[in-house]
Protein backbone atom coordinates (compact mmCIF):
# COMPACT_ATOMS: atom_id res chain seq x y z
CA MET A 1 94.35 80.49 67.41
CA GLN A 2 96.04 83.77 66.67
CA SER A 3 98.09 85.45 69.38
CA GLU A 4 98.68 89.13 69.82
CA PRO A 5 102.18 90.46 69.12
CA LEU A 6 104.35 90.88 72.15
CA ILE A 7 104.94 94.54 72.92
CA LEU A 8 108.18 95.21 74.75
CA ASP A 9 109.04 98.45 76.48
CA LYS A 10 112.33 100.18 75.66
CA ARG A 11 114.14 98.61 78.63
CA GLU A 12 113.02 95.09 77.71
CA LYS A 13 114.10 95.65 74.09
CA ARG A 14 117.55 96.82 75.20
CA LYS A 15 117.91 93.80 77.48
CA LEU A 16 116.92 91.41 74.71
CA ALA A 17 119.15 93.09 72.12
CA GLY A 18 122.18 92.73 74.36
CA GLU A 19 121.97 88.97 74.08
CA TYR A 20 122.25 89.02 70.29
CA PRO A 21 125.57 90.31 68.96
CA ASP A 22 124.39 89.39 65.46
CA LEU A 23 122.45 92.66 65.58
CA CYS A 24 125.78 94.44 65.13
CA LEU A 25 125.58 97.03 62.35
CA THR A 26 129.38 97.19 61.97
CA CYS A 27 129.06 100.95 62.36
CA GLY A 28 132.30 101.19 64.34
CA THR A 29 130.85 103.30 67.15
CA CYS A 30 132.18 100.80 69.68
CA ALA A 31 135.71 100.97 68.32
CA GLY A 32 135.52 104.73 67.87
CA GLY A 33 134.70 105.28 71.53
CA CYS A 34 137.12 102.70 72.91
CA PRO A 35 140.16 104.24 74.64
CA VAL A 36 142.33 101.24 73.74
CA THR A 37 141.37 100.76 70.09
CA GLY A 38 144.55 99.94 68.19
CA VAL A 39 146.52 98.74 71.21
CA ASP A 40 147.94 95.38 70.13
CA GLY A 41 145.35 95.38 67.34
CA MET A 42 142.41 95.82 69.73
CA ASP A 43 139.19 96.45 67.85
CA MET A 44 135.85 95.69 69.47
CA ARG A 45 134.32 95.09 66.02
CA LYS A 46 136.81 92.26 65.48
CA ALA A 47 135.89 90.76 68.85
CA VAL A 48 132.18 90.86 67.96
CA ARG A 49 132.91 89.27 64.57
CA MET A 50 134.91 86.50 66.22
CA ALA A 51 131.93 85.74 68.47
CA LEU A 52 129.52 85.81 65.53
CA LEU A 53 131.66 83.52 63.40
CA GLY A 54 131.86 80.92 66.16
CA LEU A 55 135.51 81.68 66.89
CA ASP A 56 134.82 81.59 70.62
CA GLN A 57 138.04 79.85 71.57
CA GLU A 58 140.07 82.22 69.42
CA LEU A 59 138.43 85.17 71.21
CA ILE A 60 139.07 83.58 74.61
CA ASP A 61 142.71 82.94 73.71
CA SER A 62 143.23 86.40 72.20
CA ARG A 63 144.58 89.42 74.06
CA PHE A 64 141.38 91.40 73.39
CA PRO A 65 139.61 90.50 76.66
CA TRP A 66 142.69 91.53 78.66
CA ILE A 67 143.37 94.74 76.76
CA CYS A 68 139.76 95.83 77.26
CA THR A 69 139.45 98.11 80.30
CA LEU A 70 135.76 97.25 80.79
CA CYS A 71 135.00 100.98 80.82
CA ALA A 72 131.76 100.38 78.85
CA ARG A 73 132.24 103.26 76.39
CA CYS A 74 131.71 100.80 73.53
CA GLU A 75 128.49 99.54 75.03
CA HIS A 76 127.08 102.99 75.75
CA GLY A 77 127.74 104.03 72.17
CA CYS A 78 126.31 100.92 70.53
CA PRO A 79 123.07 101.84 68.71
CA MET A 80 121.88 98.24 69.06
CA SER A 81 122.63 98.06 72.81
CA ILE A 82 124.72 94.92 72.44
CA ASP A 83 126.08 93.78 75.80
CA LEU A 84 129.75 93.98 74.86
CA LEU A 85 131.03 93.93 78.44
CA LYS A 86 129.23 90.66 79.07
CA MET A 87 130.99 89.21 76.04
CA MET A 88 134.42 90.34 77.28
CA ARG A 89 133.78 89.19 80.85
CA SER A 90 132.63 85.84 79.53
CA ALA A 91 135.79 85.50 77.44
CA ARG A 92 137.89 86.26 80.52
CA ALA A 93 135.91 83.81 82.63
CA HIS A 94 136.50 81.02 80.12
CA ARG A 95 140.27 81.47 80.01
CA GLU A 96 142.05 78.65 81.83
CA ARG A 97 143.38 79.92 85.15
CA ASP A 98 147.01 79.17 84.35
CA LYS A 99 146.69 81.10 81.07
CA VAL A 100 145.46 84.34 82.65
CA PRO A 101 148.06 87.08 82.05
CA GLY A 102 150.84 86.76 84.63
CA VAL A 103 150.52 89.87 86.76
CA LEU A 104 146.76 89.44 87.18
CA HIS A 105 147.05 85.76 88.02
CA LYS A 106 149.81 86.40 90.55
CA GLY A 107 147.92 89.30 92.13
CA VAL A 108 144.77 87.25 92.63
CA GLU A 109 146.73 84.27 93.96
CA GLN A 110 148.51 86.51 96.47
CA CYS A 111 145.20 88.05 97.57
CA LEU A 112 143.74 84.61 98.14
CA LYS A 113 146.80 83.57 100.14
CA SER A 114 147.46 86.67 102.27
CA GLY A 115 144.43 88.94 101.91
CA ASN A 116 146.35 91.53 99.89
CA ASN A 117 148.27 91.52 96.63
CA VAL A 118 151.68 92.44 98.02
CA GLY A 119 151.80 89.74 100.70
CA ILE A 120 151.87 92.00 103.78
CA PRO A 121 151.64 89.72 106.85
CA LYS A 122 148.55 90.24 109.00
CA GLU A 123 150.63 91.00 112.10
CA ASP A 124 152.56 93.77 110.32
CA TYR A 125 149.36 95.26 108.95
CA LEU A 126 147.66 95.31 112.36
CA PHE A 127 150.78 96.78 114.00
CA LEU A 128 150.84 99.54 111.39
CA LEU A 129 147.14 100.35 111.90
CA GLU A 130 147.67 100.63 115.64
CA ASP A 131 150.77 102.79 115.19
CA LEU A 132 149.02 105.10 112.72
CA GLY A 133 146.03 105.33 115.05
CA LEU A 134 148.28 106.45 117.92
CA GLU A 135 149.92 109.02 115.67
CA LEU A 136 146.56 110.45 114.59
CA ALA A 137 145.27 110.43 118.19
CA GLU A 138 147.80 113.18 118.95
CA GLU A 139 145.77 115.41 116.62
CA LEU A 140 142.33 113.87 117.17
CA PRO A 141 141.64 113.13 120.86
CA GLY A 142 140.37 109.60 121.46
CA PHE A 143 140.97 108.44 117.90
CA THR A 144 141.60 104.74 117.30
CA VAL A 145 141.46 102.65 114.14
CA PRO A 146 138.47 100.33 114.53
CA VAL A 147 139.37 96.84 113.37
CA ASP A 148 136.63 94.24 112.82
CA LYS A 149 134.08 96.43 114.62
CA LYS A 150 130.71 94.67 114.69
CA GLY A 151 127.74 96.71 113.49
CA ALA A 152 129.81 99.44 111.81
CA ARG A 153 127.97 101.35 109.08
CA ILE A 154 130.99 101.60 106.75
CA LEU A 155 133.56 98.95 105.84
CA VAL A 156 136.73 100.64 104.62
CA THR A 157 138.93 98.69 102.23
CA ILE A 158 142.49 99.79 101.64
CA ASN A 159 144.59 99.86 98.51
CA SER A 160 147.59 97.66 99.25
CA LYS A 161 150.11 100.38 98.38
CA GLU A 162 148.90 102.60 101.22
CA PRO A 163 149.90 100.73 104.38
CA PHE A 164 153.62 100.75 103.70
CA ALA A 165 154.19 103.10 100.75
CA GLU A 166 151.81 105.97 101.53
CA PRO A 167 150.22 105.37 104.96
CA GLU A 168 149.39 109.05 105.46
CA ASP A 169 146.90 108.78 102.59
CA MET A 170 144.63 106.84 104.94
CA PHE A 171 144.55 109.79 107.34
CA PHE A 172 142.31 111.83 105.02
CA TRP A 173 139.46 109.32 105.22
CA TRP A 174 139.96 108.67 108.88
CA LYS A 175 139.79 112.40 109.68
CA ILE A 176 136.53 112.70 107.76
CA PHE A 177 135.03 109.74 109.62
CA TYR A 178 136.21 111.19 112.93
CA ALA A 179 134.76 114.65 112.19
CA ALA A 180 131.46 113.12 111.02
CA LYS A 181 131.34 110.80 114.06
CA GLU A 182 130.78 107.99 111.58
CA SER A 183 130.69 104.32 112.56
CA TRP A 184 133.35 102.60 110.44
CA THR A 185 135.80 99.74 110.50
CA VAL A 186 138.59 98.07 108.61
CA THR A 187 138.90 94.32 108.45
CA SER A 188 141.87 92.36 109.69
CA ASP A 189 141.56 89.73 106.95
CA ASN A 190 141.21 90.20 103.20
CA TRP A 191 141.52 93.96 103.47
CA GLU A 192 142.75 94.54 99.92
CA GLY A 193 140.64 97.24 98.26
CA VAL A 194 141.56 96.56 94.63
CA ASN A 195 138.81 94.83 92.68
CA TRP A 196 140.86 92.01 91.16
CA GLY A 197 137.69 90.40 89.85
CA LEU A 198 137.28 93.33 87.48
CA PHE A 199 140.61 92.63 85.84
């Protein structure tokens, strides 16, 4: 019995191609578009070659996955649509936790422990939100900072530098929400707005 050839649309082809780094043409478009090519020897072509040659552990142990910014410029430029970000994320995911570069490991550990990467105690954070809310209420009648408001339409996360280094930066968003009569809230736990999983 003879079967008909499988016809894939462009999207399906791109998805399938991404799973096969051996389709790499070694054209260098990935490295040419990468903003960190050359930093500590970073070259996306080398990373792809390592994967192709079965040097998985060497790639995982290398600095390449941690130098990569995951900006996806390499992937967008790749004529074969190879999923280069997936490769780098996978290499990061396979690194033993205690071998993750220091500052990233410490930041994530601190977030897991205190809800933010600088270790601000919950009581201090809540006191600051209340104090800032009172300050802004002088300008915006009836303003309060909603904390853990059920049913809010927007959950606002905060960069950990803002509460104590640049608290006024939060006013800009809060004023917009106030003027728009938007339903929003901040959370009292795990309020850190930095995406540590990306790093």
